[in-house]
Amino acid sequence: MVPEYGFDRHKLPKGRSFPLARSVLDDALASAAVRGISSVYFWKRRGGPGASRIVLRADYCGEGRVGWAGAGSTTITVYDVASTERKEIMAALVQTGLPRLIQWLTELDSAGNTVRGVDKHFVAEYVDGKLQITTGDPHVRTRRTKKWRSPIR
């Protein structure tokens, strides 16, 4: 069964294409019975040359965000690429990106509430002919911060 979710697709200028068809994404999500997808976006990349090479991104809004409409759900965004690169990026996404995304989504779905309580992200970038995937918590600080101490003792 095809998952139900909100959908938005930007119109692209000549020379730009989306590296993944919506039907391919739907088939992958349906075959794995993935739940909790709130929206899928096919968006035009912002910025000029040297802009981010992200081609696929998923953002999970943690269940700890009590009162937020998106709490406990995931959005998926597919970004446009140069039409000349579309086929090779699509092949990489179908071969590696989508299986890893499905794995990430199913692991998140079956994880405990301490994992699902905070925001998570999945990012697939196409750099130098290879798909690079990173996952994690976008709000983790990379350095320790000092605890604030009250001047009143």
Protein backbone atom coordinates (compact mmCIF):
# COMPACT_ATOMS: atom_id res chain seq x y z
CA MET A 1 0.00 0.00 0.00
CA VAL A 2 1.36 3.42 -0.97
CA PRO A 3 1.95 5.56 2.12
CA GLU A 4 -0.14 8.70 2.57
CA TYR A 5 1.75 11.95 3.14
CA GLY A 6 1.75 15.60 2.19
CA PHE A 7 3.57 16.33 -1.07
CA ASP A 8 5.16 19.36 -2.70
CA ARG A 9 7.16 19.57 -5.93
CA HIS A 10 8.96 22.63 -7.30
CA LYS A 11 9.00 23.39 -11.00
CA LEU A 12 12.56 23.12 -12.31
CA PRO A 13 14.36 25.14 -14.95
CA LYS A 14 15.82 23.48 -18.04
CA GLY A 15 18.94 21.50 -17.31
CA ARG A 16 17.78 20.44 -13.83
CA SER A 17 16.07 17.17 -12.82
CA PHE A 18 15.10 15.26 -9.73
CA PRO A 19 17.37 12.23 -9.23
CA LEU A 20 14.52 10.06 -8.00
CA ALA A 21 10.99 9.47 -9.22
CA ARG A 22 8.20 9.72 -6.66
CA SER A 23 6.98 6.27 -7.69
CA VAL A 24 10.40 4.74 -6.89
CA LEU A 25 10.37 6.34 -3.45
CA ASP A 26 6.76 5.22 -2.86
CA ASP A 27 7.59 1.64 -3.86
CA ALA A 28 10.54 1.54 -1.47
CA LEU A 29 8.49 2.95 1.41
CA ALA A 30 5.52 0.65 0.70
CA SER A 31 7.61 -2.52 0.35
CA ALA A 32 9.15 -1.91 3.78
CA ALA A 33 5.81 -0.85 5.31
CA VAL A 34 7.40 2.36 6.58
CA ARG A 35 5.13 4.45 8.79
CA GLY A 36 5.28 7.99 10.10
CA ILE A 37 6.12 9.91 6.92
CA SER A 38 4.33 13.25 7.17
CA SER A 39 5.57 14.97 4.01
CA VAL A 40 7.72 14.42 0.94
CA TYR A 41 9.26 17.36 -0.87
CA PHE A 42 10.88 17.49 -4.30
CA TRP A 43 12.58 20.84 -4.03
CA LYS A 44 14.82 23.05 -6.11
CA ARG A 45 18.26 23.48 -4.59
CA ARG A 46 19.06 26.93 -3.24
CA GLY A 47 22.34 28.65 -4.06
CA GLY A 48 24.58 28.70 -7.07
CA PRO A 49 27.76 26.83 -7.93
CA GLY A 50 29.32 25.31 -4.87
CA ALA A 51 25.95 24.86 -3.19
CA SER A 52 25.40 21.82 -1.05
CA ARG A 53 25.57 18.44 -2.81
CA ILE A 54 22.73 17.00 -0.74
CA VAL A 55 20.45 14.94 -2.98
CA LEU A 56 18.26 13.24 -0.37
CA ARG A 57 17.46 14.24 3.19
CA ALA A 58 15.13 12.93 5.89
CA ASP A 59 14.38 14.77 9.10
CA TYR A 60 12.71 13.13 12.07
CA CYS A 61 10.97 15.43 14.54
CA GLY A 62 11.44 13.89 17.98
CA GLU A 63 8.50 12.76 20.08
CA GLY A 64 9.87 14.94 22.85
CA ARG A 65 8.55 17.99 21.03
CA VAL A 66 5.24 17.80 22.84
CA GLY A 67 2.57 19.92 21.19
CA TRP A 68 4.35 20.14 17.84
CA ALA A 69 2.26 18.97 14.89
CA GLY A 70 5.21 17.04 13.40
CA ALA A 71 6.36 15.33 16.60
CA GLY A 72 7.12 11.66 15.94
CA SER A 73 7.05 11.99 12.16
CA THR A 74 9.56 12.24 9.32
CA THR A 75 9.84 14.50 6.29
CA ILE A 76 11.79 13.44 3.22
CA THR A 77 13.29 15.93 0.78
CA VAL A 78 14.71 15.12 -2.67
CA TYR A 79 16.81 17.93 -4.16
CA ASP A 80 17.34 18.64 -7.84
CA VAL A 81 20.58 17.91 -9.70
CA ALA A 82 22.03 18.74 -13.09
CA SER A 83 20.17 16.73 -15.73
CA THR A 84 23.50 15.41 -17.03
CA GLU A 85 24.15 13.78 -13.62
CA ARG A 86 20.64 12.48 -13.03
CA LYS A 87 21.13 8.88 -14.19
CA GLU A 88 24.30 8.21 -12.21
CA ILE A 89 22.88 9.82 -9.05
CA MET A 90 19.61 7.92 -9.44
CA ALA A 91 21.54 4.64 -9.74
CA ALA A 92 23.47 5.45 -6.56
CA LEU A 93 20.29 6.37 -4.70
CA VAL A 94 18.45 3.22 -5.79
CA GLN A 95 21.42 0.96 -5.06
CA THR A 96 22.62 2.52 -1.79
CA GLY A 97 20.64 5.58 -0.69
CA LEU A 98 17.12 4.18 -0.54
CA PRO A 99 18.07 0.91 1.19
CA ARG A 100 20.00 2.89 3.82
CA LEU A 101 17.10 5.34 4.23
CA ILE A 102 14.63 2.46 4.70
CA GLN A 103 16.98 0.83 7.21
CA TRP A 104 17.30 4.13 9.10
CA LEU A 105 13.52 4.64 9.15
CA THR A 106 12.75 1.09 10.32
CA GLU A 107 15.44 1.21 13.02
CA LEU A 108 14.06 4.54 14.21
CA ASP A 109 10.51 3.15 14.25
CA SER A 110 11.52 0.18 16.41
CA ALA A 111 13.87 2.13 18.69
CA GLY A 112 13.05 3.01 22.26
CA ASN A 113 11.55 6.30 23.31
CA THR A 114 14.92 7.70 24.39
CA VAL A 115 16.06 7.49 20.76
CA ARG A 116 12.76 8.69 19.29
CA GLY A 117 12.47 11.51 21.80
CA VAL A 118 14.98 13.74 20.02
CA ASP A 119 15.34 15.03 16.46
CA LYS A 120 17.35 12.92 13.98
CA HIS A 121 18.48 13.40 10.41
CA PHE A 122 19.60 11.33 7.41
CA VAL A 123 21.62 13.09 4.70
CA ALA A 124 22.80 11.66 1.36
CA GLU A 125 25.30 13.81 -0.54
CA TYR A 126 26.71 13.06 -3.98
CA VAL A 127 30.38 14.07 -3.93
CA ASP A 128 33.08 13.12 -6.44
CA GLY A 129 30.96 10.39 -8.02
CA LYS A 130 30.05 8.73 -4.71
CA LEU A 131 27.07 8.81 -2.41
CA GLN A 132 28.05 9.82 1.13
CA ILE A 133 25.52 9.19 3.88
CA THR A 134 25.50 10.70 7.33
CA THR A 135 22.97 10.26 10.11
CA GLY A 136 22.62 11.60 13.57
CA ASP A 137 21.25 14.17 15.92
CA PRO A 138 21.47 17.66 14.41
CA HIS A 139 21.54 19.31 17.82
CA VAL A 140 24.50 17.51 19.38
CA ARG A 141 27.17 19.95 20.48
CA THR A 142 30.68 19.13 19.37
CA ARG A 143 32.37 20.63 22.40
CA ARG A 144 31.57 20.67 26.07
CA THR A 145 29.98 23.77 27.47
CA LYS A 146 30.57 25.02 30.98
CA LYS A 147 27.70 24.77 33.41
CA TRP A 148 26.25 28.07 34.44
CA ARG A 149 26.63 28.77 38.13
CA SER A 150 24.47 31.14 40.01
CA PRO A 151 26.34 34.03 41.67
CA ILE A 152 23.98 33.53 44.62
CA ARG A 153 25.13 30.73 46.92
